[in-house]
Amino acid sequence: MDNELTQFEIEAILGPDSESFETFITILRSSEAANSAVDMMKQKDPNAFVLKILNFLSSSHVDIDSREKCAELLSNLLNDDDLCTWRNLSISTQSSIKSFLLNPIINLGESKFIIKGRCDTMYKLAASLLPDNNWPELLPFLYQCLTDSNNYFKASAFLIFADLAGDLGETIVVPSAKTLHSLFRNTLNDDTIDLNVRIAAVSAVIRFIQRYAEFK
C-alpha cells in the first residue's frame, strides 16, 4: 500500500466490507511507513474510521494482533492534538466510544495489551470530560469495577482513579474520597487480596492523600 491512498482505497477501507479494513490493519502492523495513511483516514471520515476500529475491537472473530493494533489506534486517535479527533466526531460516535469503554474492561479471552489500551483511552477521555460533567456514567462504573471479583478489573480501576486524582485534583478527589475510603481501607488491610490490586490501591491512596492535603 502506498503512503498516499486513493479516494477509492479510502472508501473501500471505510466501507461495509470488513476484509479491506482488516488488510489495512495488517499492513499497519508490519509497516511504520503506512502510519501516514491513518492521518488520511482521520481527515477523510473520522466517524467511519473510529466505528470500524470499535467493531474490530468488539469482534471475537478478528485475530488478537489486529485487535491489539486497533486498541493502539483508538488510544492514539483520542490523544493527538489534545483530543482534536474527539471534537471532530459526531455525538453518536462519541456515545459509541463511551459505551464501548464502559463495557467490562476484561474477559477471559482478552489480552492485557488491549485491556491497557482501553484503560488508557478511558483515562484520557475522563481527564477531558469529567471537569464539565460530560461523562456522568464513568465514576459509578469505576466504583463497580472496584468491587468486581476479577483482580485485573479492580487494579485497572484503582490506577485510573490514581491518574485522575493526579490530573484533576479537587474535581475527582473531593466527591470520591468518602466513597473510596472504605474500599481503600479494606483492600490495604486484606492480605488475601491479589498483590497487584493492593499495589494499585496504594498508588491511588498516595495520590488522593497528596491532592487532598492541597485543599486543606
N, C-alpha and C. Protein backbone atom coordinates (compact mmCIF):
# COMPACT_ATOMS: atom_id res chain seq x y z
N MET A 1 0.85 -1.19 0.00
CA MET A 1 0.00 0.00 0.00
C MET A 1 0.88 1.24 0.00
N ASP A 2 0.61 2.19 -0.91
CA ASP A 2 1.35 3.44 -0.93
C ASP A 2 0.96 4.28 0.26
N ASN A 3 1.87 5.22 0.63
CA ASN A 3 1.56 6.10 1.75
C ASN A 3 0.34 6.97 1.44
N GLU A 4 0.21 7.38 0.14
CA GLU A 4 -0.91 8.20 -0.27
C GLU A 4 -2.01 7.29 -0.82
N LEU A 5 -3.12 7.22 -0.10
CA LEU A 5 -4.22 6.38 -0.53
C LEU A 5 -5.10 7.12 -1.54
N THR A 6 -5.62 6.38 -2.48
CA THR A 6 -6.56 6.98 -3.42
C THR A 6 -7.93 7.07 -2.76
N GLN A 7 -8.80 7.90 -3.35
CA GLN A 7 -10.16 8.03 -2.86
C GLN A 7 -10.86 6.68 -2.84
N PHE A 8 -10.63 5.91 -3.87
CA PHE A 8 -11.25 4.58 -3.97
C PHE A 8 -10.78 3.68 -2.84
N GLU A 9 -9.48 3.69 -2.53
CA GLU A 9 -8.93 2.85 -1.47
C GLU A 9 -9.50 3.25 -0.11
N ILE A 10 -9.61 4.56 0.14
CA ILE A 10 -10.16 5.03 1.41
C ILE A 10 -11.60 4.58 1.57
N GLU A 11 -12.39 4.74 0.51
CA GLU A 11 -13.79 4.34 0.56
C GLU A 11 -13.94 2.84 0.78
N ALA A 12 -13.03 2.07 0.17
CA ALA A 12 -13.08 0.61 0.36
C ALA A 12 -12.74 0.24 1.80
N ILE A 13 -11.72 0.87 2.36
CA ILE A 13 -11.29 0.56 3.73
C ILE A 13 -12.37 0.93 4.74
N LEU A 14 -13.03 2.07 4.52
CA LEU A 14 -14.04 2.55 5.46
C LEU A 14 -15.44 2.06 5.12
N GLY A 15 -15.57 1.27 4.07
CA GLY A 15 -16.86 0.78 3.63
C GLY A 15 -17.34 -0.40 4.45
N PRO A 16 -18.48 -0.97 4.05
CA PRO A 16 -19.10 -2.04 4.83
C PRO A 16 -18.34 -3.37 4.81
N ASP A 17 -17.47 -3.56 3.83
CA ASP A 17 -16.72 -4.81 3.73
C ASP A 17 -15.57 -4.81 4.74
N SER A 18 -15.55 -5.78 5.64
CA SER A 18 -14.53 -5.81 6.70
C SER A 18 -13.17 -6.26 6.19
N GLU A 19 -13.14 -6.96 5.06
CA GLU A 19 -11.88 -7.52 4.57
C GLU A 19 -10.86 -6.43 4.24
N SER A 20 -11.32 -5.33 3.61
CA SER A 20 -10.40 -4.25 3.24
C SER A 20 -9.80 -3.59 4.48
N PHE A 21 -10.63 -3.40 5.50
CA PHE A 21 -10.13 -2.79 6.73
C PHE A 21 -9.16 -3.73 7.44
N GLU A 22 -9.45 -5.01 7.43
CA GLU A 22 -8.56 -5.98 8.05
C GLU A 22 -7.20 -5.99 7.36
N THR A 23 -7.22 -5.88 6.03
CA THR A 23 -5.96 -5.81 5.28
C THR A 23 -5.18 -4.56 5.66
N PHE A 24 -5.90 -3.46 5.79
CA PHE A 24 -5.28 -2.19 6.17
C PHE A 24 -4.60 -2.31 7.54
N ILE A 25 -5.28 -2.91 8.50
CA ILE A 25 -4.72 -3.07 9.85
C ILE A 25 -3.49 -3.97 9.80
N THR A 26 -3.54 -5.02 9.00
CA THR A 26 -2.39 -5.93 8.86
C THR A 26 -1.17 -5.18 8.34
N ILE A 27 -1.39 -4.29 7.38
CA ILE A 27 -0.29 -3.51 6.82
C ILE A 27 0.27 -2.55 7.87
N LEU A 28 -0.62 -1.94 8.64
CA LEU A 28 -0.17 -1.03 9.70
C LEU A 28 0.71 -1.76 10.71
N ARG A 29 0.37 -3.00 11.01
CA ARG A 29 1.15 -3.77 11.98
C ARG A 29 2.56 -4.03 11.50
N SER A 30 2.77 -4.09 10.19
CA SER A 30 4.06 -4.51 9.66
C SER A 30 4.88 -3.37 9.06
N SER A 31 4.28 -2.18 8.93
CA SER A 31 4.99 -1.09 8.27
C SER A 31 4.72 0.23 8.95
N GLU A 32 5.77 0.81 9.54
CA GLU A 32 5.64 2.12 10.16
C GLU A 32 5.32 3.19 9.13
N ALA A 33 5.83 3.01 7.91
CA ALA A 33 5.59 4.00 6.85
C ALA A 33 4.10 4.14 6.55
N ALA A 34 3.35 3.06 6.77
CA ALA A 34 1.92 3.08 6.45
C ALA A 34 1.12 3.91 7.44
N ASN A 35 1.75 4.32 8.55
CA ASN A 35 1.00 5.07 9.56
C ASN A 35 0.51 6.41 9.04
N SER A 36 1.15 6.96 8.00
CA SER A 36 0.67 8.22 7.44
C SER A 36 -0.74 8.06 6.87
N ALA A 37 -1.10 6.83 6.51
CA ALA A 37 -2.44 6.58 5.98
C ALA A 37 -3.49 6.79 7.07
N VAL A 38 -3.11 6.65 8.33
CA VAL A 38 -4.05 6.88 9.43
C VAL A 38 -4.53 8.32 9.42
N ASP A 39 -3.61 9.26 9.16
CA ASP A 39 -4.00 10.66 9.11
C ASP A 39 -5.00 10.92 7.99
N MET A 40 -4.84 10.22 6.88
CA MET A 40 -5.78 10.38 5.77
C MET A 40 -7.16 9.89 6.18
N MET A 41 -7.21 8.76 6.88
CA MET A 41 -8.49 8.23 7.34
C MET A 41 -9.15 9.21 8.31
N LYS A 42 -8.36 9.76 9.18
CA LYS A 42 -8.84 10.68 10.20
C LYS A 42 -9.44 11.93 9.56
N GLN A 43 -8.78 12.40 8.52
CA GLN A 43 -9.24 13.61 7.84
C GLN A 43 -10.43 13.34 6.94
N LYS A 44 -10.43 12.18 6.28
CA LYS A 44 -11.49 11.86 5.33
C LYS A 44 -12.82 11.60 6.03
N ASP A 45 -12.82 10.73 7.01
CA ASP A 45 -14.07 10.37 7.69
C ASP A 45 -13.75 9.80 9.06
N PRO A 46 -13.49 10.67 10.05
CA PRO A 46 -13.10 10.17 11.38
C PRO A 46 -14.17 9.30 12.03
N ASN A 47 -15.45 9.59 11.77
CA ASN A 47 -16.52 8.79 12.36
C ASN A 47 -16.49 7.35 11.85
N ALA A 48 -16.39 7.19 10.53
CA ALA A 48 -16.34 5.85 9.96
C ALA A 48 -15.10 5.10 10.42
N PHE A 49 -13.97 5.82 10.52
CA PHE A 49 -12.72 5.19 10.93
C PHE A 49 -12.82 4.69 12.37
N VAL A 50 -13.32 5.52 13.27
CA VAL A 50 -13.43 5.13 14.68
C VAL A 50 -14.41 3.97 14.84
N LEU A 51 -15.54 4.02 14.12
CA LEU A 51 -16.52 2.95 14.25
C LEU A 51 -15.98 1.62 13.73
N LYS A 52 -15.16 1.68 12.69
CA LYS A 52 -14.51 0.46 12.20
C LYS A 52 -13.59 -0.12 13.27
N ILE A 53 -12.84 0.76 13.92
CA ILE A 53 -11.93 0.32 14.98
C ILE A 53 -12.71 -0.33 16.12
N LEU A 54 -13.81 0.30 16.53
CA LEU A 54 -14.63 -0.26 17.61
C LEU A 54 -15.21 -1.62 17.23
N ASN A 55 -15.65 -1.74 15.99
CA ASN A 55 -16.22 -3.02 15.53
C ASN A 55 -15.18 -4.13 15.60
N PHE A 56 -13.96 -3.83 15.19
CA PHE A 56 -12.91 -4.85 15.22
C PHE A 56 -12.52 -5.19 16.65
N LEU A 57 -12.46 -4.18 17.51
CA LEU A 57 -12.11 -4.43 18.91
C LEU A 57 -13.16 -5.28 19.60
N SER A 58 -14.40 -5.15 19.17
CA SER A 58 -15.50 -5.87 19.81
C SER A 58 -15.72 -7.26 19.24
N SER A 59 -15.01 -7.59 18.17
CA SER A 59 -15.26 -8.86 17.48
C SER A 59 -14.29 -9.95 17.93
N SER A 60 -14.84 -11.06 18.34
CA SER A 60 -14.01 -12.20 18.72
C SER A 60 -13.49 -12.95 17.50
N HIS A 61 -14.00 -12.59 16.33
CA HIS A 61 -13.57 -13.27 15.09
C HIS A 61 -12.32 -12.64 14.48
N VAL A 62 -11.93 -11.46 14.97
CA VAL A 62 -10.73 -10.79 14.48
C VAL A 62 -9.54 -11.28 15.29
N ASP A 63 -8.41 -11.54 14.63
CA ASP A 63 -7.24 -12.08 15.33
C ASP A 63 -6.72 -11.09 16.36
N ILE A 64 -6.06 -11.62 17.38
CA ILE A 64 -5.64 -10.82 18.52
C ILE A 64 -4.66 -9.72 18.14
N ASP A 65 -3.77 -9.97 17.18
CA ASP A 65 -2.80 -8.95 16.77
C ASP A 65 -3.49 -7.75 16.15
N SER A 66 -4.50 -8.01 15.33
CA SER A 66 -5.24 -6.91 14.70
C SER A 66 -6.03 -6.13 15.74
N ARG A 67 -6.61 -6.82 16.72
CA ARG A 67 -7.35 -6.12 17.76
C ARG A 67 -6.42 -5.30 18.64
N GLU A 68 -5.23 -5.80 18.89
CA GLU A 68 -4.26 -5.02 19.67
C GLU A 68 -3.86 -3.75 18.92
N LYS A 69 -3.70 -3.86 17.60
CA LYS A 69 -3.38 -2.67 16.80
C LYS A 69 -4.53 -1.68 16.85
N CYS A 70 -5.76 -2.17 16.81
CA CYS A 70 -6.92 -1.29 16.89
C CYS A 70 -6.99 -0.59 18.25
N ALA A 71 -6.64 -1.30 19.32
CA ALA A 71 -6.62 -0.68 20.64
C ALA A 71 -5.61 0.46 20.69
N GLU A 72 -4.46 0.23 20.07
CA GLU A 72 -3.43 1.27 20.00
C GLU A 72 -3.92 2.46 19.17
N LEU A 73 -4.57 2.18 18.05
CA LEU A 73 -5.08 3.25 17.19
C LEU A 73 -6.11 4.11 17.92
N LEU A 74 -7.03 3.46 18.62
CA LEU A 74 -8.07 4.21 19.33
C LEU A 74 -7.46 5.11 20.39
N SER A 75 -6.51 4.59 21.14
CA SER A 75 -5.86 5.38 22.18
C SER A 75 -5.13 6.57 21.57
N ASN A 76 -4.41 6.35 20.47
CA ASN A 76 -3.66 7.42 19.83
C ASN A 76 -4.58 8.46 19.19
N LEU A 77 -5.68 8.01 18.61
CA LEU A 77 -6.61 8.94 17.97
C LEU A 77 -7.18 9.94 18.96
N LEU A 78 -7.41 9.48 20.18
CA LEU A 78 -8.02 10.35 21.18
C LEU A 78 -6.97 11.06 22.03
N ASN A 79 -5.72 10.98 21.61
CA ASN A 79 -4.65 11.66 22.31
C ASN A 79 -4.01 12.74 21.45
N ASP A 80 -4.13 12.61 20.13
CA ASP A 80 -3.48 13.54 19.21
C ASP A 80 -4.05 14.95 19.37
N ASP A 81 -3.15 15.92 19.47
CA ASP A 81 -3.55 17.34 19.46
C ASP A 81 -4.66 17.65 20.46
N ASP A 82 -4.46 17.18 21.67
CA ASP A 82 -5.40 17.48 22.75
C ASP A 82 -6.83 17.07 22.40
N LEU A 83 -6.98 15.83 22.00
CA LEU A 83 -8.29 15.25 21.72
C LEU A 83 -9.00 15.91 20.54
N CYS A 84 -8.23 16.40 19.56
CA CYS A 84 -8.87 17.06 18.41
C CYS A 84 -9.76 16.08 17.67
N THR A 85 -9.36 14.82 17.60
CA THR A 85 -10.19 13.84 16.90
C THR A 85 -11.54 13.69 17.60
N TRP A 86 -11.53 13.66 18.93
CA TRP A 86 -12.78 13.54 19.69
C TRP A 86 -13.72 14.69 19.35
N ARG A 87 -13.22 15.89 19.26
CA ARG A 87 -14.07 17.05 18.98
C ARG A 87 -14.63 17.01 17.57
N ASN A 88 -13.99 16.29 16.68
CA ASN A 88 -14.47 16.19 15.30
C ASN A 88 -15.45 15.04 15.08
N LEU A 89 -15.71 14.28 16.11
CA LEU A 89 -16.62 13.15 15.99
C LEU A 89 -18.06 13.59 16.27
N SER A 90 -18.99 12.87 15.67
CA SER A 90 -20.40 13.15 15.93
C SER A 90 -20.77 12.72 17.34
N ILE A 91 -21.88 13.26 17.84
CA ILE A 91 -22.36 12.87 19.16
C ILE A 91 -22.62 11.37 19.21
N SER A 92 -23.15 10.83 18.12
CA SER A 92 -23.44 9.40 18.06
C SER A 92 -22.16 8.57 18.18
N THR A 93 -21.10 8.96 17.48
CA THR A 93 -19.84 8.22 17.56
C THR A 93 -19.22 8.36 18.94
N GLN A 94 -19.28 9.55 19.51
CA GLN A 94 -18.77 9.74 20.86
C GLN A 94 -19.50 8.82 21.84
N SER A 95 -20.80 8.70 21.69
CA SER A 95 -21.58 7.81 22.56
C SER A 95 -21.18 6.36 22.37
N SER A 96 -20.87 5.99 21.12
CA SER A 96 -20.44 4.61 20.85
C SER A 96 -19.11 4.31 21.54
N ILE A 97 -18.21 5.28 21.54
CA ILE A 97 -16.92 5.09 22.23
C ILE A 97 -17.14 4.93 23.73
N LYS A 98 -17.95 5.79 24.30
CA LYS A 98 -18.23 5.70 25.74
C LYS A 98 -18.84 4.35 26.09
N SER A 99 -19.80 3.91 25.29
CA SER A 99 -20.45 2.63 25.55
C SER A 99 -19.46 1.48 25.47
N PHE A 100 -18.58 1.55 24.48
CA PHE A 100 -17.55 0.51 24.34
C PHE A 100 -16.64 0.48 25.56
N LEU A 101 -16.22 1.64 26.01
CA LEU A 101 -15.29 1.71 27.14
C LEU A 101 -15.95 1.29 28.45
N LEU A 102 -17.26 1.49 28.56
CA LEU A 102 -17.95 1.14 29.80
C LEU A 102 -18.50 -0.28 29.80
N ASN A 103 -18.21 -1.02 28.75
CA ASN A 103 -18.42 -2.46 28.81
C ASN A 103 -17.32 -3.04 29.69
N PRO A 104 -17.45 -4.28 30.16
CA PRO A 104 -16.40 -4.84 31.00
C PRO A 104 -15.01 -4.68 30.39
N ILE A 105 -14.07 -4.24 31.21
CA ILE A 105 -12.72 -3.98 30.73
C ILE A 105 -12.04 -5.27 30.29
N ILE A 106 -12.42 -6.37 30.88
CA ILE A 106 -11.68 -7.61 30.62
C ILE A 106 -12.65 -8.77 30.44
N ASN A 107 -12.29 -9.70 29.57
CA ASN A 107 -12.95 -11.00 29.56
C ASN A 107 -11.86 -12.07 29.47
N LEU A 108 -12.22 -13.30 29.62
CA LEU A 108 -11.22 -14.35 29.77
C LEU A 108 -10.33 -14.49 28.55
N GLY A 109 -10.81 -14.05 27.37
CA GLY A 109 -10.00 -14.22 26.17
C GLY A 109 -9.25 -12.98 25.75
N GLU A 110 -9.31 -11.91 26.57
CA GLU A 110 -8.71 -10.64 26.18
C GLU A 110 -7.25 -10.57 26.58
N SER A 111 -6.46 -9.83 25.78
CA SER A 111 -5.05 -9.66 26.10
C SER A 111 -4.86 -8.47 27.02
N LYS A 112 -3.81 -8.49 27.81
CA LYS A 112 -3.53 -7.37 28.72
C LYS A 112 -3.22 -6.10 27.94
N PHE A 113 -2.66 -6.23 26.74
CA PHE A 113 -2.36 -5.06 25.91
C PHE A 113 -3.65 -4.33 25.54
N ILE A 114 -4.68 -5.09 25.16
CA ILE A 114 -5.96 -4.49 24.80
C ILE A 114 -6.62 -3.87 26.02
N ILE A 115 -6.55 -4.56 27.14
CA ILE A 115 -7.12 -4.04 28.38
C ILE A 115 -6.45 -2.72 28.73
N LYS A 116 -5.13 -2.68 28.65
CA LYS A 116 -4.40 -1.46 28.96
C LYS A 116 -4.79 -0.34 27.99
N GLY A 117 -4.94 -0.68 26.70
CA GLY A 117 -5.33 0.32 25.73
C GLY A 117 -6.69 0.92 26.04
N ARG A 118 -7.62 0.06 26.44
CA ARG A 118 -8.96 0.54 26.80
C ARG A 118 -8.90 1.43 28.04
N CYS A 119 -8.11 1.02 29.01
CA CYS A 119 -7.99 1.83 30.23
C CYS A 119 -7.32 3.17 29.93
N ASP A 120 -6.30 3.17 29.10
CA ASP A 120 -5.62 4.41 28.73
C ASP A 120 -6.59 5.36 28.03
N THR A 121 -7.39 4.80 27.11
CA THR A 121 -8.36 5.62 26.40
C THR A 121 -9.41 6.18 27.35
N MET A 122 -9.87 5.34 28.26
CA MET A 122 -10.85 5.77 29.26
C MET A 122 -10.31 6.92 30.09
N TYR A 123 -9.06 6.78 30.51
CA TYR A 123 -8.45 7.83 31.34
C TYR A 123 -8.31 9.14 30.56
N LYS A 124 -7.84 9.05 29.31
CA LYS A 124 -7.66 10.27 28.51
C LYS A 124 -8.98 11.02 28.33
N LEU A 125 -10.03 10.29 28.03
CA LEU A 125 -11.33 10.93 27.87
C LEU A 125 -11.85 11.49 29.19
N ALA A 126 -11.67 10.71 30.25
CA ALA A 126 -12.17 11.14 31.56
C ALA A 126 -11.52 12.44 31.99
N ALA A 127 -10.21 12.55 31.79
CA ALA A 127 -9.49 13.76 32.20
C ALA A 127 -10.02 14.99 31.49
N SER A 128 -10.53 14.79 30.27
CA SER A 128 -11.06 15.91 29.49
C SER A 128 -12.53 16.17 29.77
N LEU A 129 -13.31 15.11 30.01
CA LEU A 129 -14.77 15.25 30.09
C LEU A 129 -15.32 15.45 31.49
N LEU A 130 -14.66 14.87 32.51
CA LEU A 130 -15.21 14.93 33.87
C LEU A 130 -15.31 16.35 34.44
N PRO A 131 -14.36 17.24 34.18
CA PRO A 131 -14.48 18.58 34.78
C PRO A 131 -15.77 19.30 34.41
N ASP A 132 -16.33 19.02 33.24
CA ASP A 132 -17.59 19.64 32.82
C ASP A 132 -18.77 18.68 32.95
N ASN A 133 -18.56 17.59 33.67
CA ASN A 133 -19.61 16.58 33.91
C ASN A 133 -20.18 16.04 32.59
N ASN A 134 -19.30 15.81 31.63
CA ASN A 134 -19.74 15.31 30.33
C ASN A 134 -19.64 13.79 30.21
N TRP A 135 -19.37 13.13 31.34
CA TRP A 135 -19.38 11.67 31.33
C TRP A 135 -19.83 11.18 32.70
N PRO A 136 -21.08 11.45 33.07
CA PRO A 136 -21.56 11.13 34.42
C PRO A 136 -21.60 9.64 34.72
N GLU A 137 -21.62 8.81 33.68
CA GLU A 137 -21.69 7.36 33.91
C GLU A 137 -20.36 6.75 34.35
N LEU A 138 -19.27 7.50 34.17
CA LEU A 138 -17.95 6.90 34.39
C LEU A 138 -17.67 6.54 35.84
N LEU A 139 -17.85 7.48 36.75
CA LEU A 139 -17.48 7.21 38.14
C LEU A 139 -18.27 6.05 38.75
N PRO A 140 -19.59 5.98 38.55
CA PRO A 140 -20.32 4.79 39.04
C PRO A 140 -19.78 3.49 38.46
N PHE A 141 -19.36 3.54 37.19
CA PHE A 141 -18.79 2.34 36.57
C PHE A 141 -17.48 1.94 37.25
N LEU A 142 -16.63 2.93 37.52
CA LEU A 142 -15.35 2.64 38.17
C LEU A 142 -15.55 2.12 39.59
N TYR A 143 -16.54 2.69 40.32
CA TYR A 143 -16.83 2.17 41.65
C TYR A 143 -17.24 0.70 41.57
N GLN A 144 -18.04 0.37 40.57
CA GLN A 144 -18.47 -1.01 40.40
C GLN A 144 -17.28 -1.91 40.10
N CYS A 145 -16.33 -1.40 39.30
CA CYS A 145 -15.13 -2.18 38.98
C CYS A 145 -14.36 -2.57 40.23
N LEU A 146 -14.34 -1.67 41.20
CA LEU A 146 -13.54 -1.90 42.41
C LEU A 146 -14.09 -3.01 43.28
N THR A 147 -15.32 -3.40 43.06
CA THR A 147 -15.91 -4.49 43.83
C THR A 147 -16.06 -5.76 43.00
N ASP A 148 -15.51 -5.75 41.79
CA ASP A 148 -15.61 -6.92 40.93
C ASP A 148 -14.69 -8.03 41.43
N SER A 149 -15.01 -9.25 41.09
CA SER A 149 -14.21 -10.39 41.54
C SER A 149 -12.92 -10.55 40.73
N ASN A 150 -12.84 -9.90 39.56
CA ASN A 150 -11.66 -10.03 38.72
C ASN A 150 -10.57 -9.06 39.18
N ASN A 151 -9.39 -9.59 39.48
CA ASN A 151 -8.32 -8.77 40.04
C ASN A 151 -7.80 -7.70 39.07
N TYR A 152 -7.68 -8.05 37.79
CA TYR A 152 -7.18 -7.05 36.84
C TYR A 152 -8.20 -5.93 36.67
N PHE A 153 -9.46 -6.29 36.77
CA PHE A 153 -10.55 -5.33 36.72
C PHE A 153 -10.39 -4.30 37.83
N LYS A 154 -10.18 -4.79 39.05
CA LYS A 154 -10.06 -3.90 40.21
C LYS A 154 -8.78 -3.07 40.13
N ALA A 155 -7.68 -3.69 39.78
CA ALA A 155 -6.41 -2.96 39.71
C ALA A 155 -6.48 -1.84 38.68
N SER A 156 -7.11 -2.11 37.54
CA SER A 156 -7.23 -1.10 36.49
C SER A 156 -8.02 0.11 36.99
N ALA A 157 -9.11 -0.15 37.71
CA ALA A 157 -9.93 0.95 38.22
C ALA A 157 -9.16 1.78 39.25
N PHE A 158 -8.42 1.13 40.14
CA PHE A 158 -7.62 1.87 41.12
C PHE A 158 -6.60 2.77 40.41
N LEU A 159 -5.96 2.25 39.37
CA LEU A 159 -4.95 3.03 38.66
C LEU A 159 -5.57 4.21 37.92
N ILE A 160 -6.76 4.01 37.38
CA ILE A 160 -7.45 5.13 36.72
C ILE A 160 -7.79 6.21 37.74
N PHE A 161 -8.27 5.81 38.91
CA PHE A 161 -8.55 6.78 39.96
C PHE A 161 -7.28 7.53 40.37
N ALA A 162 -6.17 6.80 40.46
CA ALA A 162 -4.90 7.45 40.83
C ALA A 162 -4.51 8.51 39.81
N ASP A 163 -4.61 8.16 38.53
CA ASP A 163 -4.24 9.11 37.47
C ASP A 163 -5.18 10.31 37.46
N LEU A 164 -6.48 10.05 37.62
CA LEU A 164 -7.45 11.15 37.61
C LEU A 164 -7.24 12.08 38.80
N ALA A 165 -6.94 11.52 39.95
CA ALA A 165 -6.69 12.35 41.13
C ALA A 165 -5.49 13.26 40.88
N GLY A 166 -4.45 12.70 40.25
CA GLY A 166 -3.26 13.49 39.97
C GLY A 166 -3.52 14.62 39.00
N ASP A 167 -4.35 14.36 37.99
CA ASP A 167 -4.59 15.37 36.95
C ASP A 167 -5.73 16.33 37.26
N LEU A 168 -6.78 15.83 37.89
CA LEU A 168 -7.97 16.65 38.09
C LEU A 168 -8.09 17.21 39.50
N GLY A 169 -7.30 16.68 40.43
CA GLY A 169 -7.30 17.22 41.78
C GLY A 169 -8.66 17.23 42.43
N GLU A 170 -9.11 18.41 42.85
CA GLU A 170 -10.33 18.55 43.64
C GLU A 170 -11.55 18.03 42.88
N THR A 171 -11.53 18.11 41.56
CA THR A 171 -12.67 17.65 40.76
C THR A 171 -12.99 16.19 41.00
N ILE A 172 -11.96 15.39 41.22
CA ILE A 172 -12.18 13.94 41.42
C ILE A 172 -12.00 13.53 42.88
N VAL A 173 -11.09 14.18 43.60
CA VAL A 173 -10.76 13.74 44.95
C VAL A 173 -11.90 14.00 45.93
N VAL A 174 -12.42 15.21 45.93
CA VAL A 174 -13.44 15.59 46.92
C VAL A 174 -14.71 14.75 46.80
N PRO A 175 -15.30 14.63 45.60
CA PRO A 175 -16.54 13.83 45.51
C PRO A 175 -16.34 12.33 45.67
N SER A 176 -15.10 11.85 45.48
CA SER A 176 -14.87 10.40 45.51
C SER A 176 -14.28 9.90 46.82
N ALA A 177 -13.69 10.79 47.61
CA ALA A 177 -12.94 10.36 48.79
C ALA A 177 -13.79 9.56 49.77
N LYS A 178 -15.01 10.03 50.05
CA LYS A 178 -15.85 9.35 51.03
C LYS A 178 -16.24 7.95 50.55
N THR A 179 -16.59 7.85 49.26
CA THR A 179 -16.98 6.56 48.71
C THR A 179 -15.82 5.58 48.68
N LEU A 180 -14.63 6.10 48.38
CA LEU A 180 -13.47 5.22 48.22
C LEU A 180 -12.78 4.88 49.53
N HIS A 181 -13.08 5.62 50.59
CA HIS A 181 -12.34 5.43 51.84
C HIS A 181 -12.41 3.98 52.32
N SER A 182 -13.60 3.42 52.40
CA SER A 182 -13.73 2.04 52.90
C SER A 182 -13.11 1.04 51.93
N LEU A 183 -13.19 1.31 50.63
CA LEU A 183 -12.58 0.42 49.64
C LEU A 183 -11.06 0.43 49.76
N PHE A 184 -10.51 1.61 49.96
CA PHE A 184 -9.07 1.71 50.19
C PHE A 184 -8.67 0.93 51.43
N ARG A 185 -9.38 1.18 52.54
CA ARG A 185 -9.04 0.54 53.82
C ARG A 185 -9.15 -0.98 53.73
N ASN A 186 -10.25 -1.45 53.18
CA ASN A 186 -10.46 -2.90 53.11
C ASN A 186 -9.44 -3.58 52.21
N THR A 187 -9.10 -2.94 51.12
CA THR A 187 -8.13 -3.53 50.19
C THR A 187 -6.74 -3.59 50.81
N LEU A 188 -6.33 -2.53 51.46
CA LEU A 188 -4.99 -2.48 52.04
C LEU A 188 -4.84 -3.38 53.27
N ASN A 189 -5.94 -3.61 53.96
CA ASN A 189 -5.87 -4.41 55.19
C ASN A 189 -6.08 -5.91 54.96
N ASP A 190 -6.43 -6.28 53.75
CA ASP A 190 -6.73 -7.68 53.47
C ASP A 190 -5.56 -8.31 52.70
N ASP A 191 -4.73 -9.09 53.40
CA ASP A 191 -3.55 -9.65 52.75
C ASP A 191 -3.88 -10.86 51.87
N THR A 192 -5.18 -11.19 51.77
CA THR A 192 -5.56 -12.27 50.85
C THR A 192 -5.86 -11.73 49.45
N ILE A 193 -5.95 -10.41 49.33
CA ILE A 193 -6.24 -9.79 48.03
C ILE A 193 -4.98 -9.82 47.17
N ASP A 194 -5.16 -10.00 45.89
CA ASP A 194 -4.06 -10.05 44.94
C ASP A 194 -3.10 -8.88 45.13
N LEU A 195 -1.79 -9.17 45.07
CA LEU A 195 -0.78 -8.15 45.33
C LEU A 195 -0.86 -6.99 44.34
N ASN A 196 -1.13 -7.28 43.07
CA ASN A 196 -1.21 -6.21 42.08
C ASN A 196 -2.35 -5.25 42.38
N VAL A 197 -3.45 -5.79 42.89
CA VAL A 197 -4.59 -4.95 43.27
C VAL A 197 -4.19 -4.05 44.43
N ARG A 198 -3.51 -4.61 45.41
CA ARG A 198 -3.12 -3.83 46.59
C ARG A 198 -2.09 -2.75 46.23
N ILE A 199 -1.19 -3.08 45.31
CA ILE A 199 -0.20 -2.08 44.86
C ILE A 199 -0.92 -0.93 44.14
N ALA A 200 -1.89 -1.27 43.29
CA ALA A 200 -2.66 -0.24 42.58
C ALA A 200 -3.44 0.62 43.58
N ALA A 201 -3.99 -0.03 44.61
CA ALA A 201 -4.72 0.72 45.64
C ALA A 201 -3.79 1.66 46.39
N VAL A 202 -2.57 1.21 46.70
CA VAL A 202 -1.58 2.08 47.37
C VAL A 202 -1.29 3.31 46.51
N SER A 203 -1.14 3.12 45.20
CA SER A 203 -0.88 4.25 44.30
C SER A 203 -2.02 5.26 44.36
N ALA A 204 -3.25 4.74 44.37
CA ALA A 204 -4.42 5.62 44.43
C ALA A 204 -4.49 6.35 45.77
N VAL A 205 -4.25 5.63 46.86
CA VAL A 205 -4.30 6.24 48.19
C VAL A 205 -3.28 7.37 48.30
N ILE A 206 -2.05 7.11 47.87
CA ILE A 206 -1.00 8.12 47.96
C ILE A 206 -1.39 9.37 47.16
N ARG A 207 -1.90 9.15 45.94
CA ARG A 207 -2.28 10.28 45.10
C ARG A 207 -3.44 11.06 45.72
N PHE A 208 -4.40 10.35 46.30
CA PHE A 208 -5.53 11.02 46.92
C PHE A 208 -5.08 11.83 48.13
N ILE A 209 -4.21 11.26 48.96
CA ILE A 209 -3.72 11.96 50.15
C ILE A 209 -2.96 13.22 49.74
N GLN A 210 -2.11 13.07 48.73
CA GLN A 210 -1.32 14.22 48.25
C GLN A 210 -2.22 15.36 47.79
N ARG A 211 -3.22 15.02 46.98
CA ARG A 211 -4.08 16.05 46.43
C ARG A 211 -5.05 16.59 47.48
N TYR A 212 -5.55 15.71 48.38
CA TYR A 212 -6.48 16.15 49.40
C TYR A 212 -5.82 17.15 50.34
N ALA A 213 -4.54 16.91 50.61
CA ALA A 213 -3.81 17.82 51.52
C ALA A 213 -3.72 19.23 50.93
N GLU A 214 -3.75 19.34 49.62
CA GLU A 214 -3.64 20.65 48.98
C GLU A 214 -4.89 21.50 49.20
N PHE A 215 -6.01 20.86 49.54
CA PHE A 215 -7.25 21.58 49.68
C PHE A 215 -7.50 21.99 51.13
N LYS A 216 -6.59 21.58 52.02
CA LYS A 216 -6.78 21.87 53.45
C LYS A 216 -5.91 23.03 53.89
